[in-house]
Amino acid sequence: MPKKQAKKSIQSLEILSVHQIAKLAMTFWVGGTLTVGCIIVPLLFKNLDEITAATIAGQIFNIVAYIGMVSLFMALIEIVMDYKLQIFHLRRFWYIAFMETILFINYFAISPIIVKLRVQLTDITNRVFQHTTEFSFWHSVSSILFLISCVLGVLYILEKNYK
């Protein structure tokens, strides 16, 4: 059996390919990230007290971060399978690299600072939550990184669908 026919035969037996799984994972993560950042978290802060909203938002962002890390890893596997060492010439590779870097910095470096400061800023009765300059700075940095990651995710999906 010629090589092309064998490859086509194997592909026809696949229920979901690595490409499809990576595309679904990235679409799920980018859509979820945009939904969480633009709809869910603002609604939490509009309808709940600040302490409860911040606690729930933090848990949601943790889940989204892990989904993102797995999705980006799947996308990286996909392009490495297709392009091997030529990946460094692809914009999609650089989108993935920057998004993964942003996620790791935001989740493992900035988020722990925010959580620590939030705990320090909450009084004993959990009724007062005052923003300090340091807390506001780190929260702003995290928000900007989140926004950059969302934009890069949209660019990745658009690049993937139109190439």
C-alpha atoms as a PDB file:
ATOM      1  CA  MET A   1       0.000   0.000   0.000  1.00  0.00           C
ATOM      2  CA  PRO A   2       1.521   3.364  -1.001  1.00  0.00           C
ATOM      3  CA  LYS A   3       2.423   5.775   1.770  1.00  0.00           C
ATOM      4  CA  LYS A   4      -0.281   8.350   0.892  1.00  0.00           C
ATOM      5  CA  GLN A   5      -3.025   5.720   0.854  1.00  0.00           C
ATOM      6  CA  ALA A   6      -1.866   4.302   4.192  1.00  0.00           C
ATOM      7  CA  LYS A   7      -1.895   7.770   5.770  1.00  0.00           C
ATOM      8  CA  LYS A   8      -5.335   8.522   4.311  1.00  0.00           C
ATOM      9  CA  SER A   9      -6.613   5.156   5.555  1.00  0.00           C
ATOM     10  CA  ILE A  10      -5.360   5.837   9.079  1.00  0.00           C
ATOM     11  CA  GLN A  11      -6.879   9.329   9.053  1.00  0.00           C
ATOM     12  CA  SER A  12     -10.260   7.957   8.012  1.00  0.00           C
ATOM     13  CA  LEU A  13     -10.225   5.656  11.065  1.00  0.00           C
ATOM     14  CA  GLU A  14      -9.594   8.524  13.499  1.00  0.00           C
ATOM     15  CA  ILE A  15     -12.573   9.758  15.440  1.00  0.00           C
ATOM     16  CA  LEU A  16     -10.715  12.873  16.590  1.00  0.00           C
ATOM     17  CA  SER A  17      -7.276  13.817  15.342  1.00  0.00           C
ATOM     18  CA  VAL A  18      -4.666  15.716  17.302  1.00  0.00           C
ATOM     19  CA  HIS A  19      -5.476  18.690  15.073  1.00  0.00           C
ATOM     20  CA  GLN A  20      -9.163  18.565  15.922  1.00  0.00           C
ATOM     21  CA  ILE A  21      -8.525  18.115  19.638  1.00  0.00           C
ATOM     22  CA  ALA A  22      -6.060  21.025  19.672  1.00  0.00           C
ATOM     23  CA  LYS A  23      -8.486  23.229  17.756  1.00  0.00           C
ATOM     24  CA  LEU A  24     -11.363  22.348  20.100  1.00  0.00           C
ATOM     25  CA  ALA A  25      -9.214  22.869  23.189  1.00  0.00           C
ATOM     26  CA  MET A  26      -7.950  26.266  22.038  1.00  0.00           C
ATOM     27  CA  THR A  27     -11.428  27.407  21.002  1.00  0.00           C
ATOM     28  CA  PHE A  28     -12.833  26.236  24.349  1.00  0.00           C
ATOM     29  CA  TRP A  29     -10.096  28.030  26.299  1.00  0.00           C
ATOM     30  CA  VAL A  30     -10.149  31.305  24.338  1.00  0.00           C
ATOM     31  CA  GLY A  31     -13.957  31.417  24.386  1.00  0.00           C
ATOM     32  CA  GLY A  32     -14.008  30.565  28.077  1.00  0.00           C
ATOM     33  CA  THR A  33     -11.379  33.168  28.866  1.00  0.00           C
ATOM     34  CA  LEU A  34     -13.295  35.877  27.038  1.00  0.00           C
ATOM     35  CA  THR A  35     -16.578  34.826  28.670  1.00  0.00           C
ATOM     36  CA  VAL A  36     -15.064  34.769  32.146  1.00  0.00           C
ATOM     37  CA  GLY A  37     -13.201  38.062  31.751  1.00  0.00           C
ATOM     38  CA  CYS A  38     -15.896  40.031  29.950  1.00  0.00           C
ATOM     39  CA  ILE A  39     -19.131  38.636  31.408  1.00  0.00           C
ATOM     40  CA  ILE A  40     -18.851  36.381  34.460  1.00  0.00           C
ATOM     41  CA  VAL A  41     -16.364  38.287  36.622  1.00  0.00           C
ATOM     42  CA  PRO A  42     -17.975  41.711  36.064  1.00  0.00           C
ATOM     43  CA  LEU A  43     -21.351  40.165  36.975  1.00  0.00           C
ATOM     44  CA  LEU A  44     -19.865  38.667  40.145  1.00  0.00           C
ATOM     45  CA  PHE A  45     -18.549  42.050  41.266  1.00  0.00           C
ATOM     46  CA  LYS A  46     -21.808  43.760  40.342  1.00  0.00           C
ATOM     47  CA  ASN A  47     -24.044  41.337  42.246  1.00  0.00           C
ATOM     48  CA  LEU A  48     -21.941  40.075  45.175  1.00  0.00           C
ATOM     49  CA  ASP A  49     -19.919  41.668  47.915  1.00  0.00           C
ATOM     50  CA  GLU A  50     -16.299  42.286  46.976  1.00  0.00           C
ATOM     51  CA  ILE A  51     -14.838  39.522  49.166  1.00  0.00           C
ATOM     52  CA  THR A  52     -17.155  36.811  47.840  1.00  0.00           C
ATOM     53  CA  ALA A  53     -16.811  38.008  44.249  1.00  0.00           C
ATOM     54  CA  ALA A  54     -13.007  38.070  44.496  1.00  0.00           C
ATOM     55  CA  THR A  55     -12.931  34.579  46.008  1.00  0.00           C
ATOM     56  CA  ILE A  56     -15.158  33.092  43.304  1.00  0.00           C
ATOM     57  CA  ALA A  57     -13.347  34.989  40.520  1.00  0.00           C
ATOM     58  CA  GLY A  58     -10.013  33.676  41.805  1.00  0.00           C
ATOM     59  CA  GLN A  59     -11.285  30.099  41.700  1.00  0.00           C
ATOM     60  CA  ILE A  60     -12.650  30.580  38.183  1.00  0.00           C
ATOM     61  CA  PHE A  61      -9.360  32.110  36.987  1.00  0.00           C
ATOM     62  CA  ASN A  62      -7.465  29.137  38.462  1.00  0.00           C
ATOM     63  CA  ILE A  63      -9.593  26.711  36.469  1.00  0.00           C
ATOM     64  CA  VAL A  64      -9.256  28.793  33.292  1.00  0.00           C
ATOM     65  CA  ALA A  65      -5.458  28.962  33.767  1.00  0.00           C
ATOM     66  CA  TYR A  66      -5.142  25.175  33.963  1.00  0.00           C
ATOM     67  CA  ILE A  67      -7.411  24.726  30.940  1.00  0.00           C
ATOM     68  CA  GLY A  68      -5.222  27.238  29.104  1.00  0.00           C
ATOM     69  CA  MET A  69      -1.989  25.464  29.974  1.00  0.00           C
ATOM     70  CA  VAL A  70      -3.338  22.137  28.732  1.00  0.00           C
ATOM     71  CA  SER A  71      -4.878  23.693  25.605  1.00  0.00           C
ATOM     72  CA  LEU A  72      -1.678  25.505  24.704  1.00  0.00           C
ATOM     73  CA  PHE A  73       0.320  22.319  25.221  1.00  0.00           C
ATOM     74  CA  MET A  74      -2.050  20.498  22.843  1.00  0.00           C
ATOM     75  CA  ALA A  75      -1.681  23.287  20.274  1.00  0.00           C
ATOM     76  CA  LEU A  76       2.096  23.096  20.597  1.00  0.00           C
ATOM     77  CA  ILE A  77       2.050  19.330  20.033  1.00  0.00           C
ATOM     78  CA  GLU A  78      -0.074  19.861  16.936  1.00  0.00           C
ATOM     79  CA  ILE A  79       2.257  22.349  15.271  1.00  0.00           C
ATOM     80  CA  VAL A  80       5.394  20.401  16.234  1.00  0.00           C
ATOM     81  CA  MET A  81       3.881  17.319  14.561  1.00  0.00           C
ATOM     82  CA  ASP A  82       3.183  19.299  11.401  1.00  0.00           C
ATOM     83  CA  TYR A  83       6.214  21.569  11.140  1.00  0.00           C
ATOM     84  CA  LYS A  84       8.946  19.959  13.282  1.00  0.00           C
ATOM     85  CA  LEU A  85      11.841  22.443  13.610  1.00  0.00           C
ATOM     86  CA  GLN A  86      10.259  24.940  11.239  1.00  0.00           C
ATOM     87  CA  ILE A  87       7.840  26.033  13.976  1.00  0.00           C
ATOM     88  CA  PHE A  88      10.022  29.043  14.797  1.00  0.00           C
ATOM     89  CA  HIS A  89       8.909  30.617  11.526  1.00  0.00           C
ATOM     90  CA  LEU A  90       5.209  30.363  12.402  1.00  0.00           C
ATOM     91  CA  ARG A  91       3.237  33.167  14.024  1.00  0.00           C
ATOM     92  CA  ARG A  92       1.034  30.510  15.656  1.00  0.00           C
ATOM     93  CA  PHE A  93       4.074  29.124  17.487  1.00  0.00           C
ATOM     94  CA  TRP A  94       4.929  32.564  18.843  1.00  0.00           C
ATOM     95  CA  TYR A  95       1.308  33.160  19.878  1.00  0.00           C
ATOM     96  CA  ILE A  96       1.435  29.893  21.814  1.00  0.00           C
ATOM     97  CA  ALA A  97       4.836  30.711  23.358  1.00  0.00           C
ATOM     98  CA  PHE A  98       3.727  34.171  24.488  1.00  0.00           C
ATOM     99  CA  MET A  99       0.361  32.963  25.811  1.00  0.00           C
ATOM    100  CA  GLU A 100       1.994  30.113  27.753  1.00  0.00           C
ATOM    101  CA  THR A 101       4.583  32.520  29.184  1.00  0.00           C
ATOM    102  CA  ILE A 102       1.870  34.989  30.159  1.00  0.00           C
ATOM    103  CA  LEU A 103      -0.181  32.235  31.813  1.00  0.00           C
ATOM    104  CA  PHE A 104       2.777  30.960  33.815  1.00  0.00           C
ATOM    105  CA  ILE A 105       3.839  34.448  34.916  1.00  0.00           C
ATOM    106  CA  ASN A 106       0.288  35.441  35.790  1.00  0.00           C
ATOM    107  CA  TYR A 107      -0.607  32.202  37.568  1.00  0.00           C
ATOM    108  CA  PHE A 108       2.639  31.309  39.331  1.00  0.00           C
ATOM    109  CA  ALA A 109       4.150  34.757  39.986  1.00  0.00           C
ATOM    110  CA  ILE A 110       1.510  37.492  40.064  1.00  0.00           C
ATOM    111  CA  SER A 111      -1.576  35.646  41.367  1.00  0.00           C
ATOM    112  CA  PRO A 112       0.154  34.505  44.577  1.00  0.00           C
ATOM    113  CA  ILE A 113       1.138  38.140  45.265  1.00  0.00           C
ATOM    114  CA  ILE A 114      -2.458  39.277  44.703  1.00  0.00           C
ATOM    115  CA  VAL A 115      -3.837  36.540  46.964  1.00  0.00           C
ATOM    116  CA  LYS A 116      -1.323  37.390  49.705  1.00  0.00           C
ATOM    117  CA  LEU A 117      -2.120  41.106  49.510  1.00  0.00           C
ATOM    118  CA  ARG A 118      -5.863  40.439  49.423  1.00  0.00           C
ATOM    119  CA  VAL A 119      -5.615  38.346  52.588  1.00  0.00           C
ATOM    120  CA  GLN A 120      -3.581  41.085  54.270  1.00  0.00           C
ATOM    121  CA  LEU A 121      -6.076  43.745  53.185  1.00  0.00           C
ATOM    122  CA  THR A 122      -9.121  41.907  54.473  1.00  0.00           C
ATOM    123  CA  ASP A 123      -9.880  42.759  58.085  1.00  0.00           C
ATOM    124  CA  ILE A 124     -10.784  40.187  60.718  1.00  0.00           C
ATOM    125  CA  THR A 125     -14.521  40.434  60.103  1.00  0.00           C
ATOM    126  CA  ASN A 126     -14.115  40.109  56.295  1.00  0.00           C
ATOM    127  CA  ARG A 127     -16.096  43.288  55.794  1.00  0.00           C
ATOM    128  CA  VAL A 128     -13.434  45.762  54.792  1.00  0.00           C
ATOM    129  CA  PHE A 129     -11.446  45.311  51.624  1.00  0.00           C
ATOM    130  CA  GLN A 130      -9.290  48.308  50.789  1.00  0.00           C
ATOM    131  CA  HIS A 131      -7.086  48.509  47.761  1.00  0.00           C
ATOM    132  CA  THR A 132      -3.536  49.626  48.362  1.00  0.00           C
ATOM    133  CA  THR A 133      -1.235  50.975  45.700  1.00  0.00           C
ATOM    134  CA  GLU A 134       0.703  47.693  45.641  1.00  0.00           C
ATOM    135  CA  PHE A 135      -2.455  45.590  45.318  1.00  0.00           C
ATOM    136  CA  SER A 136      -3.830  47.852  42.571  1.00  0.00           C
ATOM    137  CA  PHE A 137      -0.519  47.685  40.687  1.00  0.00           C
ATOM    138  CA  TRP A 138      -0.326  43.879  40.684  1.00  0.00           C
ATOM    139  CA  HIS A 139      -4.022  43.543  39.909  1.00  0.00           C
ATOM    140  CA  SER A 140      -3.585  45.904  36.933  1.00  0.00           C
ATOM    141  CA  VAL A 141      -0.550  43.983  35.666  1.00  0.00           C
ATOM    142  CA  SER A 142      -2.490  40.745  35.914  1.00  0.00           C
ATOM    143  CA  SER A 143      -5.483  42.261  34.100  1.00  0.00           C
ATOM    144  CA  ILE A 144      -3.296  43.590  31.293  1.00  0.00           C
ATOM    145  CA  LEU A 145      -1.599  40.188  30.871  1.00  0.00           C
ATOM    146  CA  PHE A 146      -5.029  38.539  30.832  1.00  0.00           C
ATOM    147  CA  LEU A 147      -6.184  40.931  28.100  1.00  0.00           C
ATOM    148  CA  ILE A 148      -3.016  40.360  26.035  1.00  0.00           C
ATOM    149  CA  SER A 149      -3.521  36.616  26.354  1.00  0.00           C
ATOM    150  CA  CYS A 150      -7.129  36.953  25.146  1.00  0.00           C
ATOM    151  CA  VAL A 151      -6.056  38.991  22.111  1.00  0.00           C
ATOM    152  CA  LEU A 152      -3.273  36.522  21.268  1.00  0.00           C
ATOM    153  CA  GLY A 153      -5.754  33.645  21.609  1.00  0.00           C
ATOM    154  CA  VAL A 154      -8.138  35.284  19.157  1.00  0.00           C
ATOM    155  CA  LEU A 155      -5.236  35.933  16.751  1.00  0.00           C
ATOM    156  CA  TYR A 156      -4.154  32.288  17.064  1.00  0.00           C
ATOM    157  CA  ILE A 157      -7.641  31.021  16.230  1.00  0.00           C
ATOM    158  CA  LEU A 158      -8.002  33.428  13.305  1.00  0.00           C
ATOM    159  CA  GLU A 159      -4.548  32.465  12.000  1.00  0.00           C
ATOM    160  CA  LYS A 160      -5.395  28.763  12.371  1.00  0.00           C
ATOM    161  CA  ASN A 161      -8.711  29.055  10.550  1.00  0.00           C
ATOM    162  CA  TYR A 162      -7.569  31.180   7.656  1.00  0.00           C
ATOM    163  CA  LYS A 163      -4.255  29.562   6.756  1.00  0.00           C
END
